[in-house]
Amino acid sequence: MKFLPYEDVPLYLAMNGKEGEYIFAESATLSVNQPLSISRQIDDNIIQICEYGLGENMTYTPKTFNQDEGFFVTLGPTDGPPRPLATSIKKIEKDSKITFPNGKHLYFSVDIYPDGHDYVIPLYSKSGNWNLTTGEAQSGYFEPLYKYVSSGPVRGEMSVNFYPNTGNLKNFFNITGLSDPNIYPPVDEERITGFLGDFTFDNVYLKSFSFSLSPNSVSQASASFDVYGSLGHVDGLTDNYFSSDLYDQQSVPHGQNSEIVGTTSFDMEHPVSFNYSMNVDRSVRYEAPNINSESTVGLVPERVSKQSSTISLSVEGENLNPDILSDGFNGKEANVKIILKDLNYQGFEDNSNNVLNTFTCSGVITSQSLSVGSNGYLNGSVNISQSIQ
C-alpha cells in the first residue's frame, strides 16, 4: 500500500448498485465506526481457590509454596462447588500476576482462553516459604483481556465537496425526488452504493445537499451521507477509471446565465446570489441480532425510511419588504425557482447545454435582514423554508 495522490482516488456513486457516475469532487471524506463495550460482571477478574490439586477433596488446606514451583488449583469458593473462569474473559496471558491480600502474589503458568470449562488451572509462585490463608485464597485479583461485543450498529459518515455538472446532477443528490419515478407508493428508500478509490460502500443515504451561486462564478456544492455497514476493499478497482467519462468535458452551472425566479413576491427585483440546501431526517430499523451468530444482522439496517425533508433557500439582493414578517399568522408565502444554466456557448460541445437543472422552494419566509458596508451597497437577505413530509 502506498500514499495515493488526489487524482488516483475517484468518487463513484450509484443508486442501489446500478450504473452510476464519477463525481468531480474537490474533496471527500469517508469514515465508519462501531461502538463496542465489554460485557462482564464485577467479580469476573476475581480468583477463588477452592483446593490445590484436581478437585478431589473440595476442602481448602493451606499450602506452603516453593520458589518457582508450579501446581494446579481448583477454582471456586471454600468447600466448593467449583466455579470456572468467566467467559467474558478473552485471554489471560502467561505470567499474569494474581494479587492476594497482604502483598502476596501467584502467577499464571500458561496462556488461558476461558471457555466455561476452566475449573482447574496451572499457577506458580516466584518465591517460597509462604502460604495463603483460607480468607486470602478467596480474594485473588488479576487483569485479563476481556471480550468486546457490539453495543450498536456499524455506522459512519461521508461528506463531499464537488462541482455539480452534467455528469453528476443525478437523483442521489436530490432528497425530494425519486430515483425511480414509476414506483408506488412514491416513497424513495433506495440506498446509494459506490466507492472512494478502491474502498467500497453498500448502504449509504443522502443526509444533506447544498450549493450556492453568485455572479461570474461557477457553482460548488457539498453533500453529506449517512453510511451503514463496514467498508470493503477491491484491489485495482479504479485502475482503469482514466478511460471513464470522468474526464469527458462537462457543463458546469455558472452565475452569468443562471436565474432566480419569483423574488419579486418579496420586493427583491435584483437578486445577486443565493444558497440552496436540502436536509432529510430518516428512521432506521434494525432486526434483532443473534449474539451467537457471525452474520451482520443487527449491524446493517433492515430498512432506512425517509421521515421528513426540509428545503432552505437564502437569497441576497438589493431590497426587502419590511412588512413580510407581519403578514398574518400563517406567514408570507414565497415560491422561488432556481434555474441552473451553463455559459451556453455556441458552436462548442462543452458548456453549451443552457439549462442543466431546476430546483424549487415553495414555502414561507422565516427571516430577513439588511446589511451595508463602507465599500459596498445596501443588501437585503431573505430566508425561505419549505417542509416536506
Protein backbone atom coordinates (compact mmCIF):
# COMPACT_ATOMS: atom_id res chain seq x y z
CA MET A 1 0.00 0.00 0.00
CA LYS A 2 1.27 3.47 -0.83
CA PHE A 3 0.11 7.03 -0.38
CA LEU A 4 -2.20 7.80 -3.30
CA PRO A 5 -2.48 11.28 -4.81
CA TYR A 6 -5.83 13.03 -5.20
CA GLU A 7 -6.20 12.14 -8.87
CA ASP A 8 -5.93 8.41 -8.11
CA VAL A 9 -8.83 8.38 -5.62
CA PRO A 10 -12.03 8.95 -7.59
CA LEU A 11 -15.50 9.01 -6.02
CA TYR A 12 -18.19 6.93 -7.73
CA LEU A 13 -21.88 6.90 -6.73
CA ALA A 14 -24.80 4.82 -7.96
CA MET A 15 -28.37 4.04 -6.93
CA ASN A 16 -28.68 0.56 -5.43
CA GLY A 17 -25.77 -0.91 -7.37
CA LYS A 18 -26.98 0.26 -10.77
CA GLU A 19 -24.89 2.20 -13.26
CA GLY A 20 -23.64 5.38 -11.65
CA GLU A 21 -21.40 8.38 -12.18
CA TYR A 22 -17.99 9.63 -11.17
CA ILE A 23 -18.23 12.79 -9.07
CA PHE A 24 -15.99 15.75 -9.90
CA ALA A 25 -15.05 16.11 -6.23
CA GLU A 26 -12.70 18.70 -4.81
CA SER A 27 -12.51 16.79 -1.53
CA ALA A 28 -14.16 13.81 0.12
CA THR A 29 -14.05 12.07 3.49
CA LEU A 30 -15.41 8.65 4.43
CA SER A 31 -15.47 7.17 7.92
CA VAL A 32 -17.22 4.38 9.83
CA ASN A 33 -17.24 3.38 13.46
CA GLN A 34 -18.66 0.63 15.63
CA PRO A 35 -19.45 1.17 19.32
CA LEU A 36 -18.03 -1.68 21.38
CA SER A 37 -18.11 -2.47 25.08
CA ILE A 38 -17.10 -5.28 27.38
CA SER A 39 -19.80 -7.42 28.95
CA ARG A 40 -18.62 -8.53 32.37
CA GLN A 41 -19.67 -8.93 35.98
CA ILE A 42 -17.95 -7.04 38.76
CA ASP A 43 -16.12 -10.13 40.07
CA ASP A 44 -15.09 -11.70 36.74
CA ASN A 45 -11.45 -10.87 37.46
CA ILE A 46 -11.51 -12.34 40.99
CA ILE A 47 -10.00 -15.79 41.58
CA GLN A 48 -11.13 -18.02 44.44
CA ILE A 49 -9.00 -21.08 45.22
CA CYS A 50 -11.13 -23.99 46.36
CA GLU A 51 -8.37 -26.59 46.54
CA TYR A 52 -4.79 -27.24 45.48
CA GLY A 53 -4.98 -30.13 43.04
CA LEU A 54 -7.60 -31.51 40.66
CA GLY A 55 -10.70 -31.05 42.78
CA GLU A 56 -10.76 -34.37 44.57
CA ASN A 57 -11.45 -33.26 48.15
CA MET A 58 -13.20 -29.89 47.77
CA THR A 59 -11.67 -28.72 51.02
CA TYR A 60 -9.19 -25.88 51.24
CA THR A 61 -5.95 -26.68 53.01
CA PRO A 62 -3.20 -24.03 53.03
CA LYS A 63 -0.13 -24.99 51.01
CA THR A 64 3.45 -23.82 51.60
CA PHE A 65 4.86 -22.62 48.29
CA ASN A 66 8.38 -23.20 46.99
CA GLN A 67 10.24 -20.79 44.72
CA ASP A 68 9.33 -21.27 41.01
CA GLU A 69 7.07 -24.19 41.92
CA GLY A 70 4.20 -24.99 39.56
CA PHE A 71 0.93 -26.56 40.68
CA PHE A 72 -2.74 -26.91 39.76
CA VAL A 73 -5.60 -25.25 41.62
CA THR A 74 -9.33 -25.90 41.52
CA LEU A 75 -11.31 -22.68 41.36
CA GLY A 76 -14.35 -21.88 43.46
CA PRO A 77 -15.45 -20.91 46.96
CA THR A 78 -14.14 -22.69 50.02
CA ASP A 79 -15.63 -26.22 50.24
CA GLY A 80 -16.96 -25.92 46.65
CA PRO A 81 -18.64 -26.22 44.33
CA PRO A 82 -16.01 -25.47 41.63
CA ARG A 83 -16.54 -22.34 39.52
CA PRO A 84 -14.81 -21.81 36.14
CA LEU A 85 -13.19 -18.65 34.88
CA ALA A 86 -15.66 -16.10 33.48
CA THR A 87 -16.36 -16.38 29.75
CA SER A 88 -16.35 -12.58 29.49
CA ILE A 89 -12.56 -13.00 29.50
CA LYS A 90 -10.92 -13.40 26.10
CA LYS A 91 -7.43 -14.23 27.29
CA ILE A 92 -5.27 -14.41 30.41
CA GLU A 93 -1.67 -14.06 29.37
CA LYS A 94 1.06 -16.30 30.70
CA ASP A 95 2.89 -14.82 33.71
CA SER A 96 -0.07 -12.55 34.54
CA LYS A 97 0.05 -11.68 38.24
CA ILE A 98 -2.67 -12.61 40.74
CA THR A 99 -2.65 -10.26 43.71
CA PHE A 100 -3.91 -11.57 47.05
CA PRO A 101 -4.29 -9.62 50.33
CA ASN A 102 -1.18 -8.69 52.32
CA GLY A 103 1.09 -8.32 49.28
CA LYS A 104 1.03 -11.98 48.23
CA HIS A 105 1.23 -12.99 44.53
CA LEU A 106 0.82 -16.04 42.31
CA TYR A 107 1.20 -16.22 38.53
CA PHE A 108 -0.48 -17.99 35.59
CA SER A 109 1.75 -20.69 34.10
CA VAL A 110 0.26 -20.64 30.58
CA ASP A 111 -1.95 -18.54 28.30
CA ILE A 112 -5.59 -19.29 29.10
CA TYR A 113 -8.64 -18.70 26.85
CA PRO A 114 -11.68 -19.27 29.09
CA ASP A 115 -14.45 -21.37 27.53
CA GLY A 116 -16.68 -22.07 30.52
CA HIS A 117 -14.87 -25.30 31.48
CA ASP A 118 -11.75 -23.90 33.15
CA TYR A 119 -12.31 -25.31 36.64
CA VAL A 120 -8.65 -26.31 37.08
CA ILE A 121 -5.76 -24.05 36.04
CA PRO A 122 -1.94 -24.12 36.45
CA LEU A 123 -0.26 -21.47 38.60
CA TYR A 124 3.21 -20.93 40.04
CA SER A 125 4.96 -18.95 42.76
CA LYS A 126 8.08 -16.83 42.21
CA SER A 127 9.10 -17.03 45.89
CA GLY A 128 8.98 -19.68 48.58
CA ASN A 129 8.19 -20.38 52.22
CA TRP A 130 4.80 -18.69 52.40
CA ASN A 131 1.12 -19.63 52.05
CA LEU A 132 -2.39 -18.28 51.62
CA THR A 133 -4.89 -18.42 54.45
CA THR A 134 -8.42 -19.58 53.72
CA GLY A 135 -9.67 -16.00 53.53
CA GLU A 136 -6.77 -14.78 51.42
CA ALA A 137 -7.24 -17.60 48.89
CA GLN A 138 -10.75 -16.33 48.18
CA SER A 139 -9.66 -12.85 47.05
CA GLY A 140 -7.16 -13.04 44.19
CA TYR A 141 -7.28 -10.14 41.73
CA PHE A 142 -5.87 -10.26 38.18
CA GLU A 143 -6.09 -8.21 34.96
CA PRO A 144 -7.26 -10.21 31.92
CA LEU A 145 -8.07 -9.18 28.36
CA TYR A 146 -11.86 -9.01 28.03
CA LYS A 147 -14.06 -9.83 25.07
CA TYR A 148 -15.73 -6.89 23.34
CA VAL A 149 -19.24 -7.01 21.91
CA SER A 150 -21.02 -4.55 19.67
CA SER A 151 -23.31 -2.16 21.53
CA GLY A 152 -24.63 -0.57 18.35
CA PRO A 153 -24.59 -0.76 14.57
CA VAL A 154 -21.70 -0.07 12.24
CA ARG A 155 -22.30 3.50 11.15
CA GLY A 156 -20.38 6.39 9.69
CA GLU A 157 -20.46 9.46 7.51
CA MET A 158 -19.32 10.52 4.08
CA SER A 159 -19.00 14.14 3.01
CA VAL A 160 -18.01 15.55 -0.36
CA ASN A 161 -17.38 18.97 -1.86
CA PHE A 162 -17.83 18.85 -5.61
CA TYR A 163 -18.66 20.75 -8.75
CA PRO A 164 -22.18 19.94 -9.94
CA ASN A 165 -22.16 19.28 -13.67
CA THR A 166 -23.98 17.39 -16.39
CA GLY A 167 -22.27 14.22 -15.21
CA ASN A 168 -23.47 14.20 -11.61
CA LEU A 169 -26.69 16.19 -11.15
CA LYS A 170 -28.43 12.88 -10.56
CA ASN A 171 -31.09 11.70 -8.14
CA PHE A 172 -28.61 10.69 -5.48
CA PHE A 173 -28.20 14.44 -4.89
CA ASN A 174 -31.95 15.11 -4.85
CA ILE A 175 -33.54 14.41 -1.48
CA THR A 176 -37.00 15.44 -2.66
CA GLY A 177 -37.00 13.43 -5.89
CA LEU A 178 -37.41 9.76 -6.70
CA SER A 179 -34.69 7.54 -8.08
CA ASP A 180 -37.45 5.66 -9.91
CA PRO A 181 -40.40 7.91 -10.90
CA ASN A 182 -42.57 4.84 -11.61
CA ILE A 183 -42.55 3.34 -8.11
CA TYR A 184 -45.72 3.27 -6.00
CA PRO A 185 -46.21 4.35 -3.32
CA PRO A 186 -43.94 7.28 -4.19
CA VAL A 187 -41.55 6.81 -1.26
CA ASP A 188 -37.87 6.67 -2.12
CA GLU A 189 -35.77 4.44 0.14
CA GLU A 190 -33.12 3.47 -2.39
CA ARG A 191 -29.65 3.06 -0.96
CA ILE A 192 -26.58 4.56 -2.59
CA THR A 193 -23.61 2.37 -3.43
CA GLY A 194 -20.19 3.19 -4.79
CA PHE A 195 -16.56 3.55 -3.94
CA LEU A 196 -13.90 6.05 -2.95
CA GLY A 197 -10.68 4.88 -4.52
CA ASP A 198 -10.57 1.12 -4.01
CA PHE A 199 -12.77 1.28 -0.89
CA THR A 200 -16.40 0.28 -1.44
CA PHE A 201 -19.63 1.02 0.43
CA ASP A 202 -23.08 -0.57 0.01
CA ASN A 203 -25.51 1.22 2.34
CA VAL A 204 -25.32 5.00 2.05
CA TYR A 205 -28.17 7.51 2.28
CA LEU A 206 -28.09 11.21 1.47
CA LYS A 207 -28.49 13.41 4.53
CA SER A 208 -27.94 16.92 3.18
CA PHE A 209 -27.13 18.70 -0.04
CA SER A 210 -26.37 22.37 -0.65
CA PHE A 211 -24.95 24.67 -3.28
CA SER A 212 -24.62 28.38 -3.88
CA LEU A 213 -24.16 30.69 -6.82
CA SER A 214 -23.14 34.30 -7.31
CA PRO A 215 -22.37 36.48 -10.35
CA ASN A 216 -19.47 35.48 -12.61
CA SER A 217 -18.67 32.29 -10.72
CA VAL A 218 -19.19 28.57 -11.07
CA SER A 219 -21.28 26.70 -8.55
CA GLN A 220 -19.72 24.46 -5.93
CA ALA A 221 -21.84 22.04 -3.93
CA SER A 222 -21.47 19.93 -0.80
CA ALA A 223 -23.27 16.82 0.35
CA SER A 224 -23.20 14.58 3.40
CA PHE A 225 -24.34 10.98 3.69
CA ASP A 226 -25.09 8.50 6.44
CA VAL A 227 -23.06 5.33 5.99
CA TYR A 228 -24.24 1.97 7.34
CA GLY A 229 -22.21 -1.22 7.41
CA SER A 230 -18.50 -1.75 7.06
CA LEU A 231 -16.32 -0.72 4.13
CA GLY A 232 -14.94 -3.14 1.57
CA HIS A 233 -11.75 -3.10 -0.45
CA VAL A 234 -11.20 -4.27 -4.01
CA ASP A 235 -7.64 -4.16 -5.30
CA GLY A 236 -7.36 -2.43 -8.66
CA LEU A 237 -10.98 -1.24 -8.66
CA THR A 238 -10.03 2.17 -10.06
CA ASP A 239 -7.13 1.12 -12.27
CA ASN A 240 -8.97 1.99 -15.50
CA TYR A 241 -11.01 4.98 -14.41
CA PHE A 242 -8.88 7.29 -16.57
CA SER A 243 -10.81 5.94 -19.54
CA SER A 244 -14.18 6.73 -17.93
CA ASP A 245 -16.42 9.71 -18.65
CA LEU A 246 -14.98 11.47 -15.59
CA TYR A 247 -12.51 13.08 -17.98
CA ASP A 248 -15.08 13.98 -20.63
CA GLN A 249 -15.97 17.64 -21.00
CA GLN A 250 -18.78 18.55 -18.61
CA SER A 251 -21.03 21.58 -18.37
CA VAL A 252 -20.87 23.43 -15.06
CA PRO A 253 -23.55 25.83 -13.68
CA HIS A 254 -22.38 29.42 -13.92
CA GLY A 255 -23.70 32.62 -12.36
CA GLN A 256 -23.68 34.52 -15.63
CA ASN A 257 -26.78 32.87 -17.08
CA SER A 258 -28.43 31.07 -14.16
CA GLU A 259 -31.70 32.56 -12.94
CA ILE A 260 -33.64 33.09 -9.71
CA VAL A 261 -37.35 33.40 -10.50
CA GLY A 262 -40.02 34.55 -8.03
CA THR A 263 -38.19 37.03 -5.82
CA THR A 264 -40.49 39.90 -6.80
CA SER A 265 -43.08 38.45 -4.41
CA PHE A 266 -40.98 39.84 -1.56
CA ASP A 267 -39.95 43.03 -3.41
CA MET A 268 -36.49 41.87 -4.47
CA GLU A 269 -36.08 42.71 -8.16
CA HIS A 270 -32.32 42.21 -8.47
CA PRO A 271 -31.17 39.07 -6.65
CA VAL A 272 -27.41 38.71 -6.80
CA SER A 273 -26.69 35.43 -5.02
CA PHE A 274 -28.36 32.52 -3.28
CA ASN A 275 -27.69 29.46 -1.15
CA TYR A 276 -29.91 26.41 -1.61
CA SER A 277 -29.91 23.45 0.78
CA MET A 278 -31.91 20.31 1.43
CA ASN A 279 -31.89 18.17 4.57
CA VAL A 280 -33.61 14.91 5.40
CA ASP A 281 -34.50 13.06 8.59
CA ARG A 282 -34.60 9.29 8.35
CA SER A 283 -35.78 6.47 10.56
CA VAL A 284 -33.54 3.41 10.78
CA ARG A 285 -34.90 -0.05 11.59
CA TYR A 286 -32.72 -2.99 12.60
CA GLU A 287 -33.53 -6.64 13.02
CA ALA A 288 -32.71 -8.04 16.46
CA PRO A 289 -29.32 -9.78 16.21
CA ASN A 290 -28.32 -13.23 17.34
CA ILE A 291 -25.26 -12.66 19.51
CA ASN A 292 -24.06 -16.20 18.83
CA SER A 293 -24.08 -15.70 15.07
CA GLU A 294 -21.36 -14.30 12.83
CA SER A 295 -23.89 -12.65 10.48
CA THR A 296 -24.30 -8.89 10.03
CA VAL A 297 -27.92 -8.96 11.24
CA GLY A 298 -28.33 -6.08 13.64
CA LEU A 299 -25.26 -4.29 12.32
CA VAL A 300 -26.72 -3.24 8.95
CA PRO A 301 -30.23 -1.72 8.87
CA GLU A 302 -33.14 -3.72 7.52
CA ARG A 303 -34.78 -0.50 6.34
CA VAL A 304 -33.92 3.20 6.22
CA SER A 305 -37.09 5.22 5.66
CA LYS A 306 -37.47 8.89 4.93
CA GLN A 307 -39.33 10.77 7.67
CA SER A 308 -39.27 14.38 6.55
CA SER A 309 -37.31 16.74 4.33
CA THR A 310 -36.63 20.44 4.58
CA ILE A 311 -35.61 22.84 1.83
CA SER A 312 -33.97 26.13 2.77
CA LEU A 313 -33.19 28.99 0.45
CA SER A 314 -31.34 32.19 1.26
CA VAL A 315 -31.43 34.96 -1.35
CA GLU A 316 -29.47 38.22 -1.32
CA GLY A 317 -30.39 41.27 -3.35
CA GLU A 318 -30.92 45.00 -3.40
CA ASN A 319 -34.05 45.28 -1.28
CA LEU A 320 -36.56 43.62 1.01
CA ASN A 321 -40.13 44.18 2.14
CA PRO A 322 -40.28 45.31 5.81
CA ASP A 323 -43.88 44.07 6.17
CA ILE A 324 -43.13 40.46 5.24
CA LEU A 325 -42.92 39.04 8.76
CA SER A 326 -46.16 40.74 9.87
CA ASP A 327 -48.22 39.32 7.01
CA GLY A 328 -50.71 37.38 9.14
CA PHE A 329 -50.34 34.39 11.44
CA ASN A 330 -49.60 31.98 8.60
CA GLY A 331 -46.53 33.82 7.34
CA LYS A 332 -45.65 35.19 3.94
CA GLU A 333 -45.50 32.55 1.23
CA ALA A 334 -42.79 32.53 -1.39
CA ASN A 335 -42.35 30.40 -4.50
CA VAL A 336 -38.85 30.61 -5.90
CA LYS A 337 -37.32 28.64 -8.73
CA ILE A 338 -33.59 28.21 -9.28
CA ILE A 339 -32.68 27.57 -12.92
CA LEU A 340 -29.09 26.40 -13.26
CA LYS A 341 -27.50 27.13 -16.62
CA ASP A 342 -24.04 26.84 -18.05
CA LEU A 343 -22.35 29.54 -20.12
CA ASN A 344 -24.38 28.39 -23.15
CA TYR A 345 -21.52 28.63 -25.60
CA GLN A 346 -22.48 28.41 -29.24
CA GLY A 347 -20.50 26.13 -31.52
CA PHE A 348 -18.80 24.23 -28.67
CA GLU A 349 -19.55 20.77 -27.30
CA ASP A 350 -18.91 21.65 -23.66
CA ASN A 351 -20.81 24.27 -21.64
CA SER A 352 -23.39 24.59 -24.41
CA ASN A 353 -26.37 22.85 -22.80
CA ASN A 354 -28.02 26.02 -21.48
CA VAL A 355 -30.44 24.69 -18.78
CA LEU A 356 -28.83 21.99 -16.62
CA ASN A 357 -31.32 21.54 -13.79
CA THR A 358 -34.08 23.28 -11.88
CA PHE A 359 -34.61 23.46 -8.12
CA THR A 360 -37.65 24.92 -6.38
CA CYS A 361 -38.52 26.17 -2.91
CA SER A 362 -42.19 26.77 -2.15
CA GLY A 363 -42.54 27.71 1.48
CA VAL A 364 -42.70 30.63 3.87
CA ILE A 365 -40.29 33.43 4.67
CA THR A 366 -38.76 32.82 8.09
CA SER A 367 -36.32 35.74 8.39
CA GLN A 368 -34.93 38.78 6.63
CA SER A 369 -32.00 41.10 7.23
CA LEU A 370 -30.23 44.19 5.96
CA SER A 371 -26.51 44.90 5.76
CA VAL A 372 -24.29 47.68 4.44
CA GLY A 373 -20.58 48.43 4.47
CA SER A 374 -18.39 51.43 3.65
CA ASN A 375 -17.17 49.82 0.45
CA GLY A 376 -20.48 48.48 -0.82
CA TYR A 377 -24.23 48.83 -1.13
CA LEU A 378 -27.27 48.13 0.99
CA ASN A 379 -28.07 44.42 0.71
CA GLY A 380 -31.21 42.62 1.70
CA SER A 381 -31.35 38.93 2.60
CA VAL A 382 -34.41 36.69 2.81
CA ASN A 383 -34.58 33.11 4.13
CA ILE A 384 -37.30 30.76 2.90
CA SER A 385 -38.12 27.35 4.37
CA GLN A 386 -40.21 24.51 2.95
CA SER A 387 -41.09 21.36 4.87
CA ILE A 388 -41.86 18.15 3.02
CA GLN A 389 -43.38 15.27 4.98
